Amino acid sequence: MISSRKKPGVAFWATVVVVVVLVGYPLSFGPACWISSRIGMGASLIPTVYEPVVATFGDPQANEPGAIGEWLMWYSMVGAQNGWIWMPWIIENDARPAGWDWINGNDF
């Protein structure tokens, strides 16, 4: 007897997409940092594209990331070119809120 198997439906594929996005997006943060540091391009996009991830670093004015932020900073530097770091920026009288930037620390 041949058993009939239904093809996966829309609900299944929607679930797959949601899981891939929720897991893949944060995991792609490290490789994005590594690539940008190695090719020397795109570093200014990282804080924007990964804004929800960077927001977990902690308060840039305190200049001390939280536990999750420390792990993410470490993860971002694992495969990065030497000298690349996350640095808080705070500019007084700037319309932008304080934040974190992915920069080549050797340039300073």
PDB file of N, CA and C in Angstrom:
ATOM      1  N   MET A   1       0.836  -1.163   0.000  1.00  0.00           N
ATOM      2  CA  MET A   1       0.000   0.000   0.000  1.00  0.00           C
ATOM      3  C   MET A   1       0.896   1.246   0.000  1.00  0.00           C
ATOM      4  N   ILE A   2       0.559   2.210  -0.790  1.00  0.00           N
ATOM      5  CA  ILE A   2       1.327   3.450  -0.884  1.00  0.00           C
ATOM      6  C   ILE A   2       0.678   4.489   0.012  1.00  0.00           C
ATOM      7  N   SER A   3       1.491   5.058   0.877  1.00  0.00           N
ATOM      8  CA  SER A   3       0.949   6.092   1.759  1.00  0.00           C
ATOM      9  C   SER A   3       1.013   7.437   1.038  1.00  0.00           C
ATOM     10  N   SER A   4      -0.004   8.224   1.222  1.00  0.00           N
ATOM     11  CA  SER A   4      -0.003   9.545   0.587  1.00  0.00           C
ATOM     12  C   SER A   4       0.591  10.556   1.569  1.00  0.00           C
ATOM     13  N   ARG A   5       1.519  11.340   1.051  1.00  0.00           N
ATOM     14  CA  ARG A   5       2.125  12.390   1.869  1.00  0.00           C
ATOM     15  C   ARG A   5       1.769  13.729   1.251  1.00  0.00           C
ATOM     16  N   LYS A   6       1.325  14.598   2.102  1.00  0.00           N
ATOM     17  CA  LYS A   6       0.985  15.930   1.621  1.00  0.00           C
ATOM     18  C   LYS A   6       2.242  16.780   1.537  1.00  0.00           C
ATOM     19  N   LYS A   7       2.259  17.665   0.563  1.00  0.00           N
ATOM     20  CA  LYS A   7       3.369  18.606   0.465  1.00  0.00           C
ATOM     21  C   LYS A   7       3.229  19.626   1.585  1.00  0.00           C
ATOM     22  N   PRO A   8       4.369  20.140   2.061  1.00  0.00           N
ATOM     23  CA  PRO A   8       4.291  21.158   3.111  1.00  0.00           C
ATOM     24  C   PRO A   8       3.458  22.353   2.644  1.00  0.00           C
ATOM     25  N   GLY A   9       2.646  22.845   3.549  1.00  0.00           N
ATOM     26  CA  GLY A   9       1.760  23.946   3.220  1.00  0.00           C
ATOM     27  C   GLY A   9       2.362  25.305   3.532  1.00  0.00           C
ATOM     28  N   VAL A  10       1.556  26.315   3.361  1.00  0.00           N
ATOM     29  CA  VAL A  10       1.973  27.691   3.589  1.00  0.00           C
ATOM     30  C   VAL A  10       2.374  27.906   5.047  1.00  0.00           C
ATOM     31  N   ALA A  11       1.645  27.326   5.968  1.00  0.00           N
ATOM     32  CA  ALA A  11       1.953  27.501   7.387  1.00  0.00           C
ATOM     33  C   ALA A  11       3.337  26.937   7.719  1.00  0.00           C
ATOM     34  N   PHE A  12       3.660  25.812   7.146  1.00  0.00           N
ATOM     35  CA  PHE A  12       4.973  25.202   7.378  1.00  0.00           C
ATOM     36  C   PHE A  12       6.073  26.128   6.874  1.00  0.00           C
ATOM     37  N   TRP A  13       5.945  26.609   5.628  1.00  0.00           N
ATOM     38  CA  TRP A  13       6.977  27.453   5.045  1.00  0.00           C
ATOM     39  C   TRP A  13       7.064  28.805   5.747  1.00  0.00           C
ATOM     40  N   ALA A  14       5.952  29.324   6.214  1.00  0.00           N
ATOM     41  CA  ALA A  14       5.970  30.572   6.973  1.00  0.00           C
ATOM     42  C   ALA A  14       6.741  30.375   8.273  1.00  0.00           C
ATOM     43  N   THR A  15       6.544  29.226   8.907  1.00  0.00           N
ATOM     44  CA  THR A  15       7.270  28.911  10.135  1.00  0.00           C
ATOM     45  C   THR A  15       8.762  28.795   9.866  1.00  0.00           C
ATOM     46  N   VAL A  16       9.127  28.144   8.771  1.00  0.00           N
ATOM     47  CA  VAL A  16      10.539  28.007   8.400  1.00  0.00           C
ATOM     48  C   VAL A  16      11.175  29.385   8.193  1.00  0.00           C
ATOM     49  N   VAL A  17      10.485  30.261   7.484  1.00  0.00           N
ATOM     50  CA  VAL A  17      11.006  31.608   7.224  1.00  0.00           C
ATOM     51  C   VAL A  17      11.193  32.371   8.529  1.00  0.00           C
ATOM     52  N   VAL A  18      10.224  32.306   9.417  1.00  0.00           N
ATOM     53  CA  VAL A  18      10.316  33.021  10.702  1.00  0.00           C
ATOM     54  C   VAL A  18      11.490  32.503  11.520  1.00  0.00           C
ATOM     55  N   VAL A  19      11.663  31.201  11.588  1.00  0.00           N
ATOM     56  CA  VAL A  19      12.764  30.616  12.358  1.00  0.00           C
ATOM     57  C   VAL A  19      14.110  31.005  11.751  1.00  0.00           C
ATOM     58  N   VAL A  20      14.217  30.934  10.431  1.00  0.00           N
ATOM     59  CA  VAL A  20      15.473  31.298   9.770  1.00  0.00           C
ATOM     60  C   VAL A  20      15.811  32.761  10.039  1.00  0.00           C
ATOM     61  N   VAL A  21      14.827  33.642   9.965  1.00  0.00           N
ATOM     62  CA  VAL A  21      15.074  35.059  10.209  1.00  0.00           C
ATOM     63  C   VAL A  21      15.464  35.299  11.665  1.00  0.00           C
ATOM     64  N   LEU A  22      14.733  34.702  12.591  1.00  0.00           N
ATOM     65  CA  LEU A  22      15.011  34.929  14.008  1.00  0.00           C
ATOM     66  C   LEU A  22      16.355  34.359  14.452  1.00  0.00           C
ATOM     67  N   VAL A  23      16.797  33.297  13.821  1.00  0.00           N
ATOM     68  CA  VAL A  23      18.078  32.695  14.170  1.00  0.00           C
ATOM     69  C   VAL A  23      19.192  33.220  13.267  1.00  0.00           C
ATOM     70  N   GLY A  24      18.921  33.295  11.978  1.00  0.00           N
ATOM     71  CA  GLY A  24      19.941  33.686  11.007  1.00  0.00           C
ATOM     72  C   GLY A  24      20.380  35.135  11.114  1.00  0.00           C
ATOM     73  N   TYR A  25      19.440  36.024  11.360  1.00  0.00           N
ATOM     74  CA  TYR A  25      19.783  37.449  11.438  1.00  0.00           C
ATOM     75  C   TYR A  25      20.800  37.725  12.545  1.00  0.00           C
ATOM     76  N   PRO A  26      20.552  37.313  13.792  1.00  0.00           N
ATOM     77  CA  PRO A  26      21.569  37.576  14.821  1.00  0.00           C
ATOM     78  C   PRO A  26      22.889  36.834  14.572  1.00  0.00           C
ATOM     79  N   LEU A  27      22.810  35.619  14.027  1.00  0.00           N
ATOM     80  CA  LEU A  27      24.043  34.873  13.773  1.00  0.00           C
ATOM     81  C   LEU A  27      24.866  35.487  12.645  1.00  0.00           C
ATOM     82  N   SER A  28      24.228  36.207  11.734  1.00  0.00           N
ATOM     83  CA  SER A  28      24.958  36.822  10.628  1.00  0.00           C
ATOM     84  C   SER A  28      25.687  38.097  11.056  1.00  0.00           C
ATOM     85  N   PHE A  29      25.429  38.561  12.263  1.00  0.00           N
ATOM     86  CA  PHE A  29      26.068  39.778  12.778  1.00  0.00           C
ATOM     87  C   PHE A  29      27.593  39.646  12.797  1.00  0.00           C
ATOM     88  N   GLY A  30      28.092  38.570  13.352  1.00  0.00           N
ATOM     89  CA  GLY A  30      29.542  38.360  13.430  1.00  0.00           C
ATOM     90  C   GLY A  30      30.194  38.328  12.060  1.00  0.00           C
ATOM     91  N   PRO A  31      29.717  37.467  11.154  1.00  0.00           N
ATOM     92  CA  PRO A  31      30.315  37.440   9.815  1.00  0.00           C
ATOM     93  C   PRO A  31      30.227  38.778   9.081  1.00  0.00           C
ATOM     94  N   ALA A  32      29.169  39.534   9.291  1.00  0.00           N
ATOM     95  CA  ALA A  32      29.068  40.852   8.649  1.00  0.00           C
ATOM     96  C   ALA A  32      30.177  41.771   9.160  1.00  0.00           C
ATOM     97  N   CYS A  33      30.450  41.713  10.456  1.00  0.00           N
ATOM     98  CA  CYS A  33      31.539  42.514  11.034  1.00  0.00           C
ATOM     99  C   CYS A  33      32.888  42.053  10.490  1.00  0.00           C
ATOM    100  N   TRP A  34      33.078  40.748  10.428  1.00  0.00           N
ATOM    101  CA  TRP A  34      34.352  40.201   9.958  1.00  0.00           C
ATOM    102  C   TRP A  34      34.619  40.623   8.516  1.00  0.00           C
ATOM    103  N   ILE A  35      33.599  40.494   7.679  1.00  0.00           N
ATOM    104  CA  ILE A  35      33.761  40.825   6.268  1.00  0.00           C
ATOM    105  C   ILE A  35      34.038  42.316   6.096  1.00  0.00           C
ATOM    106  N   SER A  36      33.272  43.145   6.792  1.00  0.00           N
ATOM    107  CA  SER A  36      33.469  44.593   6.630  1.00  0.00           C
ATOM    108  C   SER A  36      34.869  45.010   7.087  1.00  0.00           C
ATOM    109  N   SER A  37      35.386  44.367   8.130  1.00  0.00           N
ATOM    110  CA  SER A  37      36.726  44.722   8.601  1.00  0.00           C
ATOM    111  C   SER A  37      37.795  44.258   7.623  1.00  0.00           C
ATOM    112  N   ARG A  38      37.561  43.163   6.961  1.00  0.00           N
ATOM    113  CA  ARG A  38      38.559  42.613   6.044  1.00  0.00           C
ATOM    114  C   ARG A  38      38.586  43.333   4.696  1.00  0.00           C
ATOM    115  N   ILE A  39      37.418  43.763   4.208  1.00  0.00           N
ATOM    116  CA  ILE A  39      37.390  44.435   2.914  1.00  0.00           C
ATOM    117  C   ILE A  39      37.467  45.956   3.050  1.00  0.00           C
ATOM    118  N   GLY A  40      37.329  46.445   4.284  1.00  0.00           N
ATOM    119  CA  GLY A  40      37.434  47.879   4.525  1.00  0.00           C
ATOM    120  C   GLY A  40      36.252  48.682   4.021  1.00  0.00           C
ATOM    121  N   MET A  41      35.113  48.027   3.873  1.00  0.00           N
ATOM    122  CA  MET A  41      33.909  48.720   3.411  1.00  0.00           C
ATOM    123  C   MET A  41      32.706  48.240   4.221  1.00  0.00           C
ATOM    124  N   GLY A  42      31.721  49.099   4.343  1.00  0.00           N
ATOM    125  CA  GLY A  42      30.472  48.716   4.976  1.00  0.00           C
ATOM    126  C   GLY A  42      30.424  48.845   6.481  1.00  0.00           C
ATOM    127  N   ALA A  43      31.510  49.269   7.101  1.00  0.00           N
ATOM    128  CA  ALA A  43      31.535  49.365   8.560  1.00  0.00           C
ATOM    129  C   ALA A  43      30.483  50.339   9.075  1.00  0.00           C
ATOM    130  N   SER A  44      30.226  51.400   8.327  1.00  0.00           N
ATOM    131  CA  SER A  44      29.232  52.383   8.778  1.00  0.00           C
ATOM    132  C   SER A  44      27.808  51.847   8.665  1.00  0.00           C
ATOM    133  N   LEU A  45      27.610  50.804   7.862  1.00  0.00           N
ATOM    134  CA  LEU A  45      26.277  50.211   7.717  1.00  0.00           C
ATOM    135  C   LEU A  45      25.939  49.228   8.830  1.00  0.00           C
ATOM    136  N   ILE A  46      26.945  48.630   9.423  1.00  0.00           N
ATOM    137  CA  ILE A  46      26.714  47.592  10.434  1.00  0.00           C
ATOM    138  C   ILE A  46      25.823  48.086  11.575  1.00  0.00           C
ATOM    139  N   PRO A  47      26.101  49.245  12.193  1.00  0.00           N
ATOM    140  CA  PRO A  47      25.231  49.689  13.293  1.00  0.00           C
ATOM    141  C   PRO A  47      23.787  49.948  12.858  1.00  0.00           C
ATOM    142  N   THR A  48      23.587  50.290  11.590  1.00  0.00           N
ATOM    143  CA  THR A  48      22.234  50.547  11.097  1.00  0.00           C
ATOM    144  C   THR A  48      21.505  49.252  10.764  1.00  0.00           C
ATOM    145  N   VAL A  49      22.156  48.392   9.997  1.00  0.00           N
ATOM    146  CA  VAL A  49      21.538  47.128   9.584  1.00  0.00           C
ATOM    147  C   VAL A  49      21.262  46.230  10.790  1.00  0.00           C
ATOM    148  N   TYR A  50      22.160  46.254  11.742  1.00  0.00           N
ATOM    149  CA  TYR A  50      22.024  45.404  12.931  1.00  0.00           C
ATOM    150  C   TYR A  50      21.637  46.209  14.161  1.00  0.00           C
ATOM    151  N   GLU A  51      20.849  47.249  13.976  1.00  0.00           N
ATOM    152  CA  GLU A  51      20.453  48.113  15.087  1.00  0.00           C
ATOM    153  C   GLU A  51      19.829  47.353  16.256  1.00  0.00           C
ATOM    154  N   PRO A  52      18.932  46.388  16.019  1.00  0.00           N
ATOM    155  CA  PRO A  52      18.386  45.646  17.171  1.00  0.00           C
ATOM    156  C   PRO A  52      19.454  44.849  17.930  1.00  0.00           C
ATOM    157  N   VAL A  53      20.440  44.334  17.208  1.00  0.00           N
ATOM    158  CA  VAL A  53      21.522  43.582  17.852  1.00  0.00           C
ATOM    159  C   VAL A  53      22.422  44.543  18.628  1.00  0.00           C
ATOM    160  N   VAL A  54      22.805  45.634  17.999  1.00  0.00           N
ATOM    161  CA  VAL A  54      23.692  46.615  18.632  1.00  0.00           C
ATOM    162  C   VAL A  54      23.031  47.240  19.863  1.00  0.00           C
ATOM    163  N   ALA A  55      21.714  47.356  19.837  1.00  0.00           N
ATOM    164  CA  ALA A  55      20.989  47.929  20.975  1.00  0.00           C
ATOM    165  C   ALA A  55      21.155  47.089  22.238  1.00  0.00           C
ATOM    166  N   THR A  56      21.497  45.817  22.091  1.00  0.00           N
ATOM    167  CA  THR A  56      21.683  44.949  23.263  1.00  0.00           C
ATOM    168  C   THR A  56      23.048  45.138  23.912  1.00  0.00           C
ATOM    169  N   PHE A  57      23.935  45.943  23.278  1.00  0.00           N
ATOM    170  CA  PHE A  57      25.263  46.174  23.850  1.00  0.00           C
ATOM    171  C   PHE A  57      25.181  46.832  25.210  1.00  0.00           C
ATOM    172  N   GLY A  58      24.244  47.720  25.381  1.00  0.00           N
ATOM    173  CA  GLY A  58      24.141  48.465  26.627  1.00  0.00           C
ATOM    174  C   GLY A  58      24.241  49.954  26.358  1.00  0.00           C
ATOM    175  N   ASP A  59      24.277  50.721  27.411  1.00  0.00           N
ATOM    176  CA  ASP A  59      24.293  52.173  27.320  1.00  0.00           C
ATOM    177  C   ASP A  59      25.675  52.669  26.883  1.00  0.00           C
ATOM    178  N   PRO A  60      25.771  53.309  25.713  1.00  0.00           N
ATOM    179  CA  PRO A  60      27.083  53.789  25.270  1.00  0.00           C
ATOM    180  C   PRO A  60      27.645  54.886  26.170  1.00  0.00           C
ATOM    181  N   GLN A  61      26.779  55.613  26.848  1.00  0.00           N
ATOM    182  CA  GLN A  61      27.272  56.669  27.739  1.00  0.00           C
ATOM    183  C   GLN A  61      27.986  56.081  28.951  1.00  0.00           C
ATOM    184  N   ALA A  62      27.592  54.891  29.351  1.00  0.00           N
ATOM    185  CA  ALA A  62      28.276  54.217  30.457  1.00  0.00           C
ATOM    186  C   ALA A  62      29.585  53.597  29.997  1.00  0.00           C
ATOM    187  N   ASN A  63      29.736  53.422  28.667  1.00  0.00           N
ATOM    188  CA  ASN A  63      30.933  52.837  28.076  1.00  0.00           C
ATOM    189  C   ASN A  63      31.224  51.441  28.613  1.00  0.00           C
ATOM    190  N   GLU A  64      30.193  50.766  29.055  1.00  0.00           N
ATOM    191  CA  GLU A  64      30.324  49.402  29.561  1.00  0.00           C
ATOM    192  C   GLU A  64      29.175  48.571  29.032  1.00  0.00           C
ATOM    193  N   PRO A  65      29.463  47.613  28.155  1.00  0.00           N
ATOM    194  CA  PRO A  65      28.388  46.762  27.656  1.00  0.00           C
ATOM    195  C   PRO A  65      27.906  45.797  28.736  1.00  0.00           C
ATOM    196  N   GLY A  66      26.680  45.368  28.598  1.00  0.00           N
ATOM    197  CA  GLY A  66      26.144  44.348  29.496  1.00  0.00           C
ATOM    198  C   GLY A  66      26.695  42.989  29.111  1.00  0.00           C
ATOM    199  N   ALA A  67      26.224  41.956  29.768  1.00  0.00           N
ATOM    200  CA  ALA A  67      26.723  40.595  29.516  1.00  0.00           C
ATOM    201  C   ALA A  67      26.481  40.163  28.071  1.00  0.00           C
ATOM    202  N   ILE A  68      25.297  40.422  27.552  1.00  0.00           N
ATOM    203  CA  ILE A  68      25.004  40.064  26.158  1.00  0.00           C
ATOM    204  C   ILE A  68      25.869  40.905  25.229  1.00  0.00           C
ATOM    205  N   GLY A  69      25.995  42.183  25.537  1.00  0.00           N
ATOM    206  CA  GLY A  69      26.827  43.065  24.729  1.00  0.00           C
ATOM    207  C   GLY A  69      28.274  42.624  24.674  1.00  0.00           C
ATOM    208  N   GLU A  70      28.801  42.177  25.805  1.00  0.00           N
ATOM    209  CA  GLU A  70      30.185  41.698  25.840  1.00  0.00           C
ATOM    210  C   GLU A  70      30.360  40.483  24.940  1.00  0.00           C
ATOM    211  N   TRP A  71      29.394  39.561  24.999  1.00  0.00           N
ATOM    212  CA  TRP A  71      29.472  38.363  24.161  1.00  0.00           C
ATOM    213  C   TRP A  71      29.380  38.748  22.691  1.00  0.00           C
ATOM    214  N   LEU A  72      28.458  39.642  22.340  1.00  0.00           N
ATOM    215  CA  LEU A  72      28.304  40.057  20.943  1.00  0.00           C
ATOM    216  C   LEU A  72      29.538  40.800  20.443  1.00  0.00           C
ATOM    217  N   MET A  73      30.140  41.614  21.299  1.00  0.00           N
ATOM    218  CA  MET A  73      31.365  42.304  20.906  1.00  0.00           C
ATOM    219  C   MET A  73      32.481  41.297  20.645  1.00  0.00           C
ATOM    220  N   TRP A  74      32.579  40.311  21.516  1.00  0.00           N
ATOM    221  CA  TRP A  74      33.571  39.259  21.312  1.00  0.00           C
ATOM    222  C   TRP A  74      33.298  38.535  19.991  1.00  0.00           C
ATOM    223  N   TYR A  75      32.042  38.172  19.765  1.00  0.00           N
ATOM    224  CA  TYR A  75      31.649  37.453  18.547  1.00  0.00           C
ATOM    225  C   TYR A  75      31.977  38.267  17.306  1.00  0.00           C
ATOM    226  N   SER A  76      31.791  39.575  17.374  1.00  0.00           N
ATOM    227  CA  SER A  76      32.058  40.424  16.212  1.00  0.00           C
ATOM    228  C   SER A  76      33.549  40.503  15.897  1.00  0.00           C
ATOM    229  N   MET A  77      34.402  40.251  16.891  1.00  0.00           N
ATOM    230  CA  MET A  77      35.839  40.383  16.689  1.00  0.00           C
ATOM    231  C   MET A  77      36.556  39.059  16.440  1.00  0.00           C
ATOM    232  N   VAL A  78      35.856  37.934  16.576  1.00  0.00           N
ATOM    233  CA  VAL A  78      36.491  36.620  16.426  1.00  0.00           C
ATOM    234  C   VAL A  78      37.215  36.493  15.089  1.00  0.00           C
ATOM    235  N   GLY A  79      36.556  36.839  14.001  1.00  0.00           N
ATOM    236  CA  GLY A  79      37.170  36.702  12.683  1.00  0.00           C
ATOM    237  C   GLY A  79      37.520  38.021  12.033  1.00  0.00           C
ATOM    238  N   ALA A  80      37.479  39.084  12.812  1.00  0.00           N
ATOM    239  CA  ALA A  80      37.737  40.418  12.259  1.00  0.00           C
ATOM    240  C   ALA A  80      39.226  40.688  12.128  1.00  0.00           C
ATOM    241  N   GLN A  81      39.544  41.620  11.260  1.00  0.00           N
ATOM    242  CA  GLN A  81      40.912  42.104  11.116  1.00  0.00           C
ATOM    243  C   GLN A  81      41.371  42.662  12.458  1.00  0.00           C
ATOM    244  N   ASN A  82      42.630  42.463  12.807  1.00  0.00           N
ATOM    245  CA  ASN A  82      43.157  42.987  14.074  1.00  0.00           C
ATOM    246  C   ASN A  82      42.901  44.483  14.190  1.00  0.00           C
ATOM    247  N   GLY A  83      42.501  44.905  15.372  1.00  0.00           N
ATOM    248  CA  GLY A  83      42.310  46.315  15.648  1.00  0.00           C
ATOM    249  C   GLY A  83      40.868  46.784  15.551  1.00  0.00           C
ATOM    250  N   TRP A  84      39.985  46.000  14.955  1.00  0.00           N
ATOM    251  CA  TRP A  84      38.589  46.408  14.807  1.00  0.00           C
ATOM    252  C   TRP A  84      37.845  46.188  16.115  1.00  0.00           C
ATOM    253  N   ILE A  85      37.107  47.205  16.535  1.00  0.00           N
ATOM    254  CA  ILE A  85      36.394  47.165  17.817  1.00  0.00           C
ATOM    255  C   ILE A  85      35.077  47.927  17.708  1.00  0.00           C
ATOM    256  N   TRP A  86      34.223  47.693  18.690  1.00  0.00           N
ATOM    257  CA  TRP A  86      33.009  48.495  18.845  1.00  0.00           C
ATOM    258  C   TRP A  86      33.334  49.605  19.820  1.00  0.00           C
ATOM    259  N   MET A  87      33.023  50.817  19.418  1.00  0.00           N
ATOM    260  CA  MET A  87      33.369  51.980  20.231  1.00  0.00           C
ATOM    261  C   MET A  87      32.120  52.826  20.452  1.00  0.00           C
ATOM    262  N   PRO A  88      31.889  53.259  21.687  1.00  0.00           N
ATOM    263  CA  PRO A  88      30.740  54.148  21.908  1.00  0.00           C
ATOM    264  C   PRO A  88      31.045  55.538  21.378  1.00  0.00           C
ATOM    265  N   TRP A  89      30.036  56.205  20.866  1.00  0.00           N
ATOM    266  CA  TRP A  89      30.208  57.595  20.472  1.00  0.00           C
ATOM    267  C   TRP A  89      29.129  58.427  21.122  1.00  0.00           C
ATOM    268  N   ILE A  90      29.571  59.514  21.651  1.00  0.00           N
ATOM    269  CA  ILE A  90      28.682  60.468  22.318  1.00  0.00           C
ATOM    270  C   ILE A  90      29.158  61.853  21.893  1.00  0.00           C
ATOM    271  N   ILE A  91      28.317  62.557  21.193  1.00  0.00           N
ATOM    272  CA  ILE A  91      28.663  63.907  20.763  1.00  0.00           C
ATOM    273  C   ILE A  91      27.667  64.857  21.393  1.00  0.00           C
ATOM    274  N   GLU A  92      28.170  65.737  22.217  1.00  0.00           N
ATOM    275  CA  GLU A  92      27.279  66.699  22.865  1.00  0.00           C
ATOM    276  C   GLU A  92      26.673  67.615  21.811  1.00  0.00           C
ATOM    277  N   ASN A  93      25.458  68.016  22.042  1.00  0.00           N
ATOM    278  CA  ASN A  93      24.723  68.900  21.141  1.00  0.00           C
ATOM    279  C   ASN A  93      24.505  68.281  19.763  1.00  0.00           C
ATOM    280  N   ASP A  94      24.525  66.963  19.684  1.00  0.00           N
ATOM    281  CA  ASP A  94      24.264  66.264  18.431  1.00  0.00           C
ATOM    282  C   ASP A  94      22.818  65.795  18.452  1.00  0.00           C
ATOM    283  N   ALA A  95      22.146  65.898  17.337  1.00  0.00           N
ATOM    284  CA  ALA A  95      20.745  65.490  17.261  1.00  0.00           C
ATOM    285  C   ALA A  95      20.600  63.970  17.375  1.00  0.00           C
ATOM    286  N   ARG A  96      21.660  63.245  17.020  1.00  0.00           N
ATOM    287  CA  ARG A  96      21.597  61.784  17.095  1.00  0.00           C
ATOM    288  C   ARG A  96      21.790  61.321  18.534  1.00  0.00           C
ATOM    289  N   PRO A  97      21.115  60.255  18.911  1.00  0.00           N
ATOM    290  CA  PRO A  97      21.376  59.713  20.251  1.00  0.00           C
ATOM    291  C   PRO A  97      22.748  59.034  20.279  1.00  0.00           C
ATOM    292  N   ALA A  98      23.277  58.873  21.460  1.00  0.00           N
ATOM    293  CA  ALA A  98      24.554  58.169  21.599  1.00  0.00           C
ATOM    294  C   ALA A  98      24.396  56.753  21.067  1.00  0.00           C
ATOM    295  N   GLY A  99      25.469  56.186  20.581  1.00  0.00           N
ATOM    296  CA  GLY A  99      25.393  54.844  20.023  1.00  0.00           C
ATOM    297  C   GLY A  99      26.747  54.173  19.976  1.00  0.00           C
ATOM    298  N   TRP A 100      26.827  53.098  19.212  1.00  0.00           N
ATOM    299  CA  TRP A 100      28.047  52.314  19.069  1.00  0.00           C
ATOM    300  C   TRP A 100      28.442  52.291  17.599  1.00  0.00           C
ATOM    301  N   ASP A 101      29.731  52.367  17.314  1.00  0.00           N
ATOM    302  CA  ASP A 101      30.243  52.294  15.947  1.00  0.00           C
ATOM    303  C   ASP A 101      31.277  51.188  15.833  1.00  0.00           C
ATOM    304  N   TRP A 102      31.283  50.504  14.694  1.00  0.00           N
ATOM    305  CA  TRP A 102      32.246  49.459  14.360  1.00  0.00           C
ATOM    306  C   TRP A 102      33.381  50.159  13.623  1.00  0.00           C
ATOM    307  N   ILE A 103      34.546  50.257  14.271  1.00  0.00           N
ATOM    308  CA  ILE A 103      35.650  51.037  13.706  1.00  0.00           C
ATOM    309  C   ILE A 103      36.976  50.293  13.802  1.00  0.00           C
ATOM    310  N   ASN A 104      37.915  50.774  13.022  1.00  0.00           N
ATOM    311  CA  ASN A 104      39.291  50.264  13.101  1.00  0.00           C
ATOM    312  C   ASN A 104      39.994  51.095  14.172  1.00  0.00           C
ATOM    313  N   GLY A 105      40.206  50.511  15.328  1.00  0.00           N
ATOM    314  CA  GLY A 105      40.843  51.206  16.440  1.00  0.00           C
ATOM    315  C   GLY A 105      42.284  51.611  16.157  1.00  0.00           C
ATOM    316  N   ASN A 106      42.893  50.979  15.153  1.00  0.00           N
ATOM    317  CA  ASN A 106      44.276  51.336  14.801  1.00  0.00           C
ATOM    318  C   ASN A 106      44.351  52.710  14.143  1.00  0.00           C
ATOM    319  N   ASP A 107      43.211  53.216  13.690  1.00  0.00           N
ATOM    320  CA  ASP A 107      43.178  54.520  13.041  1.00  0.00           C
ATOM    321  C   ASP A 107      43.208  55.666  14.044  1.00  0.00           C
ATOM    322  N   PHE A 108      43.115  55.345  15.324  1.00  0.00           N
ATOM    323  CA  PHE A 108      43.064  56.393  16.344  1.00  0.00           C
ATOM    324  C   PHE A 108      44.328  56.426  17.159  1.00  0.00           C
TER     325      PHE A 108
END
